[in-house]
Protein backbone atom coordinates (compact mmCIF):
# COMPACT_ATOMS: atom_id res chain seq x y z
CA MET A 1 121.75 86.01 110.60
CA VAL A 2 119.29 88.66 111.37
CA PHE A 3 120.35 92.90 111.41
CA GLU A 4 118.36 95.41 112.64
CA ARG A 5 116.66 97.49 111.52
CA ARG A 6 118.32 101.11 111.36
CA SER A 7 121.28 99.93 112.04
CA ASP A 8 124.52 97.69 110.71
CA ARG A 9 124.39 95.25 113.89
CA VAL A 10 123.57 91.88 113.82
CA TYR A 11 123.12 89.40 116.01
CA VAL A 12 124.54 85.39 115.08
CA HIS A 13 123.71 82.91 117.40
CA ALA A 14 126.03 79.85 117.44
CA ALA A 15 126.42 76.97 118.82
CA HIS A 16 129.41 74.96 121.04
CA GLY A 17 128.48 71.71 122.65
CA LYS A 18 124.76 71.91 124.17
CA ASP A 19 124.52 75.69 124.17
CA THR A 20 124.38 78.98 122.12
CA ASP A 21 125.69 81.79 122.28
CA LEU A 22 124.20 84.81 120.76
CA TRP A 23 126.86 87.40 119.56
CA VAL A 24 126.39 91.01 118.74
CA MET A 25 128.62 92.32 115.91
CA ASN A 26 129.02 95.08 112.66
CA PRO A 27 130.09 92.89 110.25
CA SER A 28 132.13 95.95 108.73
CA ASP A 29 134.22 95.88 111.88
CA PRO A 30 134.97 92.39 113.54
CA LYS A 31 136.10 93.88 116.53
CA THR A 32 133.25 94.93 117.98
CA ASP A 33 131.89 91.50 118.18
CA HIS A 34 130.66 90.57 121.29
CA LEU A 35 128.83 88.20 123.59
CA LEU A 36 125.68 89.00 124.39
CA THR A 37 123.97 85.91 126.66
CA GLN A 38 124.50 82.49 126.45
CA LEU A 39 121.26 79.65 125.96
CA ALA A 40 120.83 76.83 127.55
CA GLY A 41 120.51 73.91 125.09
CA GLY A 42 120.58 73.82 121.17
CA GLY A 43 117.59 74.98 118.79
CA TRP A 44 117.63 78.39 118.77
CA GLN A 45 117.56 80.73 115.81
CA PRO A 46 117.00 84.52 116.15
CA LEU A 47 114.25 85.39 113.79
CA ASP A 48 113.28 89.21 113.90
CA TRP A 49 113.94 92.60 115.99
CA SER A 50 111.78 94.88 117.68
CA PRO A 51 110.70 98.02 114.92
CA ASP A 52 113.10 100.10 117.31
CA ASP A 53 115.95 97.54 117.79
CA LYS A 54 115.71 97.60 121.46
CA ARG A 55 114.91 93.28 121.65
CA ILE A 56 115.54 90.83 119.30
CA LEU A 57 112.78 87.50 119.00
CA LEU A 58 114.18 84.27 119.17
CA GLU A 59 112.49 80.97 118.97
CA GLU A 60 113.72 77.56 121.06
CA GLU A 61 112.83 74.70 118.85
CA LEU A 62 112.76 71.71 121.85
CA SER A 63 110.93 69.01 119.05
CA ILE A 64 108.94 69.38 116.35
CA ASN A 65 105.94 69.59 118.55
CA GLU A 66 107.51 71.79 121.82
CA SER A 67 108.49 75.77 120.64
CA TYR A 68 108.45 79.04 122.85
CA LEU A 69 109.10 82.01 121.49
CA TRP A 70 111.82 84.79 123.79
CA LEU A 71 112.12 88.64 123.64
CA VAL A 72 116.01 89.53 124.62
CA ASP A 73 116.44 93.39 125.53
CA THR A 74 119.72 93.99 123.86
CA ALA A 75 121.24 96.70 126.55
CA THR A 76 120.81 94.31 129.19
CA ALA A 77 120.55 90.80 127.90
CA ARG A 78 117.33 89.61 130.14
CA ARG A 79 115.30 86.81 128.41
CA ARG A 80 111.61 86.81 129.25
CA ASN A 81 108.70 85.15 126.91
């Protein structure tokens, strides 16, 4: 779970089967939860927010020797590495 810097939103990742979902919500209002993006495979972990809270840094860990960093745009859910 990773909190925004200037807001009350939090991102939560949830594994289901072989995939991972990335959700956004305000913890004080559960009705605000919504799915930001679905990520193929396991090993995903939210690490941090960009200073402007517009992107979130994710780590995709494929093995102990192979991992990747991704930026996810929180408005569009577009992912790039």
